[in-house]
């Protein structure tokens, strides 16, 4: 009887709410009006989220949304949680909040090769992201018009072994060029020796980064690995939201600083993410001006 009364009360409330508003409240635990419509910063890991909200001035918390000022610019900071499914859920909510810009700052993996030296603590700005995840293909199936708007390649692992499961073709997504250039130029002016624009591979399978997999990425000159970029850029294109990322290298697969093979933490790990956050914050006035 009590459960019936509760459900009846909820249904009465839902009659005065749109489905879009219900979705926002379900996942962000607040109303769409609580989200700053201009600029949202979307970290994935708790460590980065805590650093960001510690810098917010005039901080106000609404459910999972932290509002305030960074470098004099109004922003909302929302933790997406790790992985493309979580990032897609956040993006679906922010579409319903009429968000204009989404900026991602977080950690990533780095891949070293003979021509490009990558180190822990380096700042990587994605030029593009290969959709090695499992969420992006579902959106491409749902919105087939995307197929003609995206470049694609054969899965590079096919050069090494037969593909018995997963994506035969891998689509390529890209950030907003204007935002990417603003972030890169601002970051480069702060620390020219440790800031690089590189190609990324987005994966869902953090624990499946074998040597074969890493070598296949080297064959297409991928220097960064993450778990959110591809869907961020894809849904940014689909939803007409400007997106870009600035990421700090936290580990190097198949190296001394491979998180699955060693307990050593590089001394530049925290310095790198601090630099990425500060570079993002420094760029916010220019990003705000670009919205006008």
Protein backbone atom coordinates (compact mmCIF):
# COMPACT_ATOMS: atom_id res chain seq x y z
CA UNK A 1 0.00 0.00 0.00
CA UNK A 2 2.80 2.42 0.93
CA UNK A 3 4.66 1.69 -2.33
CA UNK A 4 1.47 2.34 -4.31
CA UNK A 5 1.02 5.71 -2.60
CA UNK A 6 4.64 6.65 -3.35
CA UNK A 7 4.36 5.70 -7.01
CA UNK A 8 1.08 7.62 -7.35
CA UNK A 9 2.69 10.75 -5.88
CA UNK A 10 5.68 10.41 -8.23
CA UNK A 11 3.39 10.00 -11.23
CA UNK A 12 1.45 13.14 -10.25
CA UNK A 13 4.74 15.07 -10.20
CA UNK A 14 5.84 13.63 -13.55
CA UNK A 15 2.67 14.93 -15.21
CA UNK A 16 4.06 18.45 -14.80
CA UNK A 17 7.51 17.53 -16.16
CA UNK A 18 8.73 16.81 -19.69
CA UNK A 19 10.48 13.53 -20.48
CA UNK A 20 13.68 15.49 -21.20
CA UNK A 21 13.52 17.15 -17.79
CA UNK A 22 12.89 13.77 -16.16
CA UNK A 23 16.04 12.37 -17.78
CA UNK A 24 18.17 15.28 -16.54
CA UNK A 25 16.82 14.96 -13.01
CA UNK A 26 17.29 11.18 -13.03
CA UNK A 27 21.00 11.30 -13.90
CA UNK A 28 22.19 14.74 -12.72
CA UNK A 29 19.89 14.83 -9.67
CA UNK A 30 18.87 18.41 -10.36
CA UNK A 31 16.89 20.42 -12.89
CA UNK A 32 18.20 21.41 -16.31
CA UNK A 33 18.07 25.05 -15.23
CA UNK A 34 20.76 24.31 -12.62
CA UNK A 35 23.35 23.65 -15.35
CA UNK A 36 25.28 26.56 -16.82
CA UNK A 37 24.26 26.53 -20.50
CA UNK A 38 27.48 28.05 -21.83
CA UNK A 39 30.42 26.00 -20.51
CA UNK A 40 30.49 22.61 -18.77
CA UNK A 41 33.72 20.96 -17.63
CA UNK A 42 33.48 17.18 -17.64
CA UNK A 43 36.18 15.25 -15.75
CA UNK A 44 35.82 11.51 -15.34
CA UNK A 45 37.88 10.53 -12.28
CA UNK A 46 37.26 11.65 -8.71
CA UNK A 47 40.84 12.88 -8.21
CA UNK A 48 40.48 15.44 -11.02
CA UNK A 49 36.95 16.39 -9.99
CA UNK A 50 38.13 17.25 -6.47
CA UNK A 51 40.93 19.44 -7.82
CA UNK A 52 38.51 21.34 -10.07
CA UNK A 53 35.85 22.02 -7.47
CA UNK A 54 38.52 23.16 -4.99
CA UNK A 55 39.26 26.00 -7.43
CA UNK A 56 35.63 27.05 -7.93
CA UNK A 57 34.72 30.45 -6.56
CA UNK A 58 31.16 31.23 -5.44
CA UNK A 59 30.55 27.49 -5.43
CA UNK A 60 26.98 26.21 -5.44
CA UNK A 61 26.05 22.54 -5.53
CA UNK A 62 22.90 21.24 -7.18
CA UNK A 63 22.75 17.45 -7.17
CA UNK A 64 25.77 16.27 -9.17
CA UNK A 65 26.33 19.74 -10.64
CA UNK A 66 28.92 22.12 -9.18
CA UNK A 67 28.48 25.72 -10.33
CA UNK A 68 30.85 28.62 -9.83
CA UNK A 69 33.52 30.82 -11.33
CA UNK A 70 36.87 29.79 -12.77
CA UNK A 71 39.08 32.66 -13.88
CA UNK A 72 36.02 34.91 -13.78
CA UNK A 73 34.00 32.65 -16.09
CA UNK A 74 30.76 30.94 -15.06
CA UNK A 75 31.00 27.17 -15.46
CA UNK A 76 29.37 23.96 -14.34
CA UNK A 77 31.60 21.05 -13.34
CA UNK A 78 30.06 17.58 -13.62
CA UNK A 79 31.85 14.28 -13.15
CA UNK A 80 30.93 11.98 -16.03
CA UNK A 81 32.47 8.88 -14.41
CA UNK A 82 34.80 6.64 -16.41
CA UNK A 83 34.02 5.17 -19.82
CA UNK A 84 32.01 5.94 -22.93
CA UNK A 85 28.64 4.66 -21.60
CA UNK A 86 28.85 7.07 -18.65
CA UNK A 87 30.10 9.91 -20.83
CA UNK A 88 27.25 9.32 -23.29
CA UNK A 89 24.72 9.54 -20.47
CA UNK A 90 26.21 12.86 -19.35
CA UNK A 91 26.15 14.13 -22.93
CA UNK A 92 22.50 13.12 -23.36
CA UNK A 93 21.66 15.13 -20.24
CA UNK A 94 23.68 18.16 -21.32
CA UNK A 95 22.00 18.16 -24.73
CA UNK A 96 18.73 18.57 -22.83
CA UNK A 97 20.28 21.46 -20.88
CA UNK A 98 21.07 23.31 -24.14
CA UNK A 99 24.79 23.24 -23.34
CA UNK A 100 27.00 25.04 -25.84
CA UNK A 101 30.53 23.93 -24.86
CA UNK A 102 31.83 20.82 -23.09
CA UNK A 103 35.49 20.68 -22.10
CA UNK A 104 37.11 17.52 -20.82
CA UNK A 105 40.16 17.55 -18.55
CA UNK A 106 41.52 14.31 -17.15
CA UNK A 107 44.22 11.65 -17.27
CA UNK A 108 45.13 9.51 -20.27
CA UNK A 109 47.64 6.86 -21.25
CA UNK A 110 50.58 7.72 -23.47
CA UNK A 111 52.31 5.68 -26.18
CA UNK A 112 55.95 6.29 -26.92
CA UNK A 113 57.43 5.68 -30.36
CA UNK A 114 60.66 6.42 -32.18
CA UNK A 115 59.48 9.65 -33.78
CA UNK A 116 57.49 11.16 -30.90
CA UNK A 117 58.67 11.05 -27.32
CA UNK A 118 55.83 10.95 -24.78
CA UNK A 119 56.41 11.16 -21.03
CA UNK A 120 54.25 10.94 -17.92
CA UNK A 121 53.12 14.48 -17.11
CA UNK A 122 52.97 15.59 -20.74
CA UNK A 123 49.83 17.45 -21.83
CA UNK A 124 48.06 15.93 -24.84
CA UNK A 125 45.43 17.75 -26.91
CA UNK A 126 43.46 15.29 -29.10
CA UNK A 127 43.33 16.08 -32.81
CA UNK A 128 41.03 13.11 -33.32
CA UNK A 129 39.85 9.96 -31.59
CA UNK A 130 39.43 6.49 -33.08
CA UNK A 131 36.22 4.84 -31.90
CA UNK A 132 37.67 1.71 -30.36
CA UNK A 133 34.87 1.76 -27.80
CA UNK A 134 31.57 -0.12 -27.85
CA UNK A 135 29.19 2.83 -27.40
CA UNK A 136 29.96 4.89 -30.51
CA UNK A 137 28.87 2.13 -32.96
CA UNK A 138 25.42 2.06 -31.36
CA UNK A 139 24.94 5.78 -32.01
CA UNK A 140 26.18 5.37 -35.58
CA UNK A 141 23.65 2.57 -36.07
CA UNK A 142 20.87 4.71 -34.64
CA UNK A 143 21.88 7.75 -36.70
CA UNK A 144 23.09 6.25 -40.02
CA UNK A 145 23.58 9.72 -41.53
CA UNK A 146 26.76 9.87 -39.43
CA UNK A 147 28.36 7.18 -41.58
CA UNK A 148 28.73 9.60 -44.48
CA UNK A 149 30.04 12.34 -42.18
CA UNK A 150 32.84 10.34 -40.54
CA UNK A 151 36.11 8.95 -41.81
CA UNK A 152 36.96 5.35 -40.99
CA UNK A 153 39.81 2.84 -41.20
CA UNK A 154 40.15 -0.91 -40.96
CA UNK A 155 40.83 -1.97 -37.41
CA UNK A 156 44.67 -1.82 -37.14
CA UNK A 157 44.78 -5.00 -35.06
CA UNK A 158 43.76 -6.84 -38.26
CA UNK A 159 47.32 -6.28 -39.53
CA UNK A 160 48.55 -8.50 -36.71
CA UNK A 161 45.79 -11.07 -36.15
CA UNK A 162 42.37 -12.15 -37.40
CA UNK A 163 39.52 -10.19 -35.82
CA UNK A 164 37.03 -12.70 -34.48
CA UNK A 165 35.05 -10.16 -32.42
CA UNK A 166 34.64 -6.40 -32.18
CA UNK A 167 34.76 -3.68 -34.78
CA UNK A 168 36.10 -4.51 -38.23
CA UNK A 169 35.89 -0.83 -39.19
CA UNK A 170 36.80 1.95 -36.79
CA UNK A 171 35.28 5.39 -37.19
CA UNK A 172 37.12 8.64 -36.47
CA UNK A 173 35.67 11.52 -34.45
CA UNK A 174 37.10 14.99 -34.00
CA UNK A 175 36.78 17.85 -31.50
CA UNK A 176 35.64 21.33 -32.45
CA UNK A 177 38.57 22.91 -34.31
CA UNK A 178 38.17 26.34 -32.75
CA UNK A 179 38.17 25.00 -29.19
CA UNK A 180 41.04 22.64 -29.92
CA UNK A 181 43.17 25.48 -31.28
CA UNK A 182 42.33 27.74 -28.33
CA UNK A 183 43.29 25.04 -25.84
CA UNK A 184 46.44 24.08 -27.70
CA UNK A 185 47.69 27.65 -28.15
CA UNK A 186 47.02 28.54 -24.52
CA UNK A 187 48.65 25.34 -23.23
CA UNK A 188 51.62 25.73 -25.57
CA UNK A 189 52.22 29.28 -24.35
CA UNK A 190 52.40 28.03 -20.76
CA UNK A 191 54.64 25.00 -21.30
CA UNK A 192 55.82 24.60 -24.91
CA UNK A 193 58.01 21.55 -24.27
CA UNK A 194 55.36 19.32 -22.74
CA UNK A 195 52.27 20.11 -24.81
CA UNK A 196 51.49 18.04 -27.91
CA UNK A 197 48.60 17.63 -30.33
CA UNK A 198 48.16 13.91 -31.02
CA UNK A 199 45.79 11.23 -32.30
CA UNK A 200 43.92 9.21 -29.66
CA UNK A 201 42.40 5.76 -29.43
CA UNK A 202 39.38 5.42 -27.16
CA UNK A 203 38.82 2.01 -25.56
CA UNK A 204 36.39 0.41 -23.12
CA UNK A 205 38.78 -2.40 -22.28
CA UNK A 206 41.38 -0.93 -19.94
CA UNK A 207 42.58 -4.38 -18.92
CA UNK A 208 43.04 -5.63 -22.49
CA UNK A 209 45.94 -3.39 -23.57
CA UNK A 210 48.21 -6.17 -24.78
CA UNK A 211 51.54 -5.63 -26.53
CA UNK A 212 49.83 -6.59 -29.81
CA UNK A 213 47.20 -3.93 -29.23
CA UNK A 214 49.78 -1.23 -28.43
CA UNK A 215 51.84 -2.15 -31.50
CA UNK A 216 48.75 -1.89 -33.70
CA UNK A 217 48.16 1.63 -32.39
CA UNK A 218 51.75 2.58 -33.07
CA UNK A 219 51.24 1.51 -36.68
CA UNK A 220 48.69 4.34 -37.14
CA UNK A 221 50.69 6.84 -35.07
CA UNK A 222 48.34 6.92 -32.08
CA UNK A 223 50.10 8.49 -29.10
CA UNK A 224 47.26 8.71 -26.57
CA UNK A 225 44.74 6.25 -25.11
CA UNK A 226 41.64 7.21 -23.17
CA UNK A 227 38.11 6.01 -22.40
CA UNK A 228 35.83 8.96 -23.28
CA UNK A 229 37.10 11.11 -26.18
CA UNK A 230 35.45 9.25 -29.05
CA UNK A 231 31.89 9.49 -27.71
CA UNK A 232 32.46 13.06 -26.47
CA UNK A 233 33.43 14.21 -29.97
CA UNK A 234 30.83 12.05 -31.74
CA UNK A 235 27.91 13.28 -29.66
CA UNK A 236 29.26 16.81 -29.80
CA UNK A 237 28.90 16.58 -33.58
CA UNK A 238 25.51 14.90 -33.37
CA UNK A 239 24.08 17.28 -30.76
CA UNK A 240 25.73 20.45 -32.12
CA UNK A 241 27.77 20.98 -28.94
CA UNK A 242 31.34 22.25 -29.19
CA UNK A 243 33.73 19.82 -27.50
CA UNK A 244 37.45 19.53 -26.82
CA UNK A 245 39.80 17.77 -24.39
CA UNK A 246 43.03 18.50 -22.58
CA UNK A 247 44.61 15.46 -20.92
CA UNK A 248 47.66 14.65 -18.84
CA UNK A 249 49.62 11.43 -19.34
CA UNK A 250 49.40 9.30 -16.19
CA UNK A 251 50.97 6.05 -17.39
CA UNK A 252 52.73 4.45 -20.33
CA UNK A 253 51.54 0.96 -21.36
CA UNK A 254 54.37 -1.55 -21.85
CA UNK A 255 56.85 0.72 -20.06
CA UNK A 256 58.32 1.19 -16.60
CA UNK A 257 55.23 3.22 -15.73
CA UNK A 258 52.61 0.71 -16.88
CA UNK A 259 50.00 0.68 -14.08
CA UNK A 260 49.40 -3.04 -14.58
CA UNK A 261 53.05 -4.07 -14.36
CA UNK A 262 54.64 -1.83 -11.75
CA UNK A 263 53.87 -0.07 -8.49
CA UNK A 264 56.00 2.95 -9.37
CA UNK A 265 54.29 6.32 -9.61
CA UNK A 266 56.03 8.87 -11.79
CA UNK A 267 56.93 12.07 -9.89
CA UNK A 268 55.30 14.17 -12.64
CA UNK A 269 51.90 12.47 -12.45
CA UNK A 270 50.20 15.02 -10.18
CA UNK A 271 52.18 17.92 -11.63
CA UNK A 272 50.87 17.01 -15.07
CA UNK A 273 47.19 17.06 -14.12
CA UNK A 274 47.69 20.30 -12.21
CA UNK A 275 49.19 21.82 -15.35
CA UNK A 276 46.31 20.56 -17.51
CA UNK A 277 43.71 22.03 -15.13
CA UNK A 278 45.52 25.37 -14.92
CA UNK A 279 45.89 25.54 -18.71
CA UNK A 280 42.19 24.88 -19.14
CA UNK A 281 41.25 27.52 -16.58
CA UNK A 282 43.59 30.01 -18.23
CA UNK A 283 41.87 29.47 -21.59
CA UNK A 284 38.30 29.97 -20.31
CA UNK A 285 38.02 33.76 -20.97
CA UNK A 286 39.04 33.20 -24.60
CA UNK A 287 36.59 30.32 -24.93
CA UNK A 288 33.81 32.44 -23.45
CA UNK A 289 34.65 35.24 -25.92
CA UNK A 290 34.51 32.75 -28.79
CA UNK A 291 30.89 31.94 -27.91
CA UNK A 292 29.73 35.48 -28.70
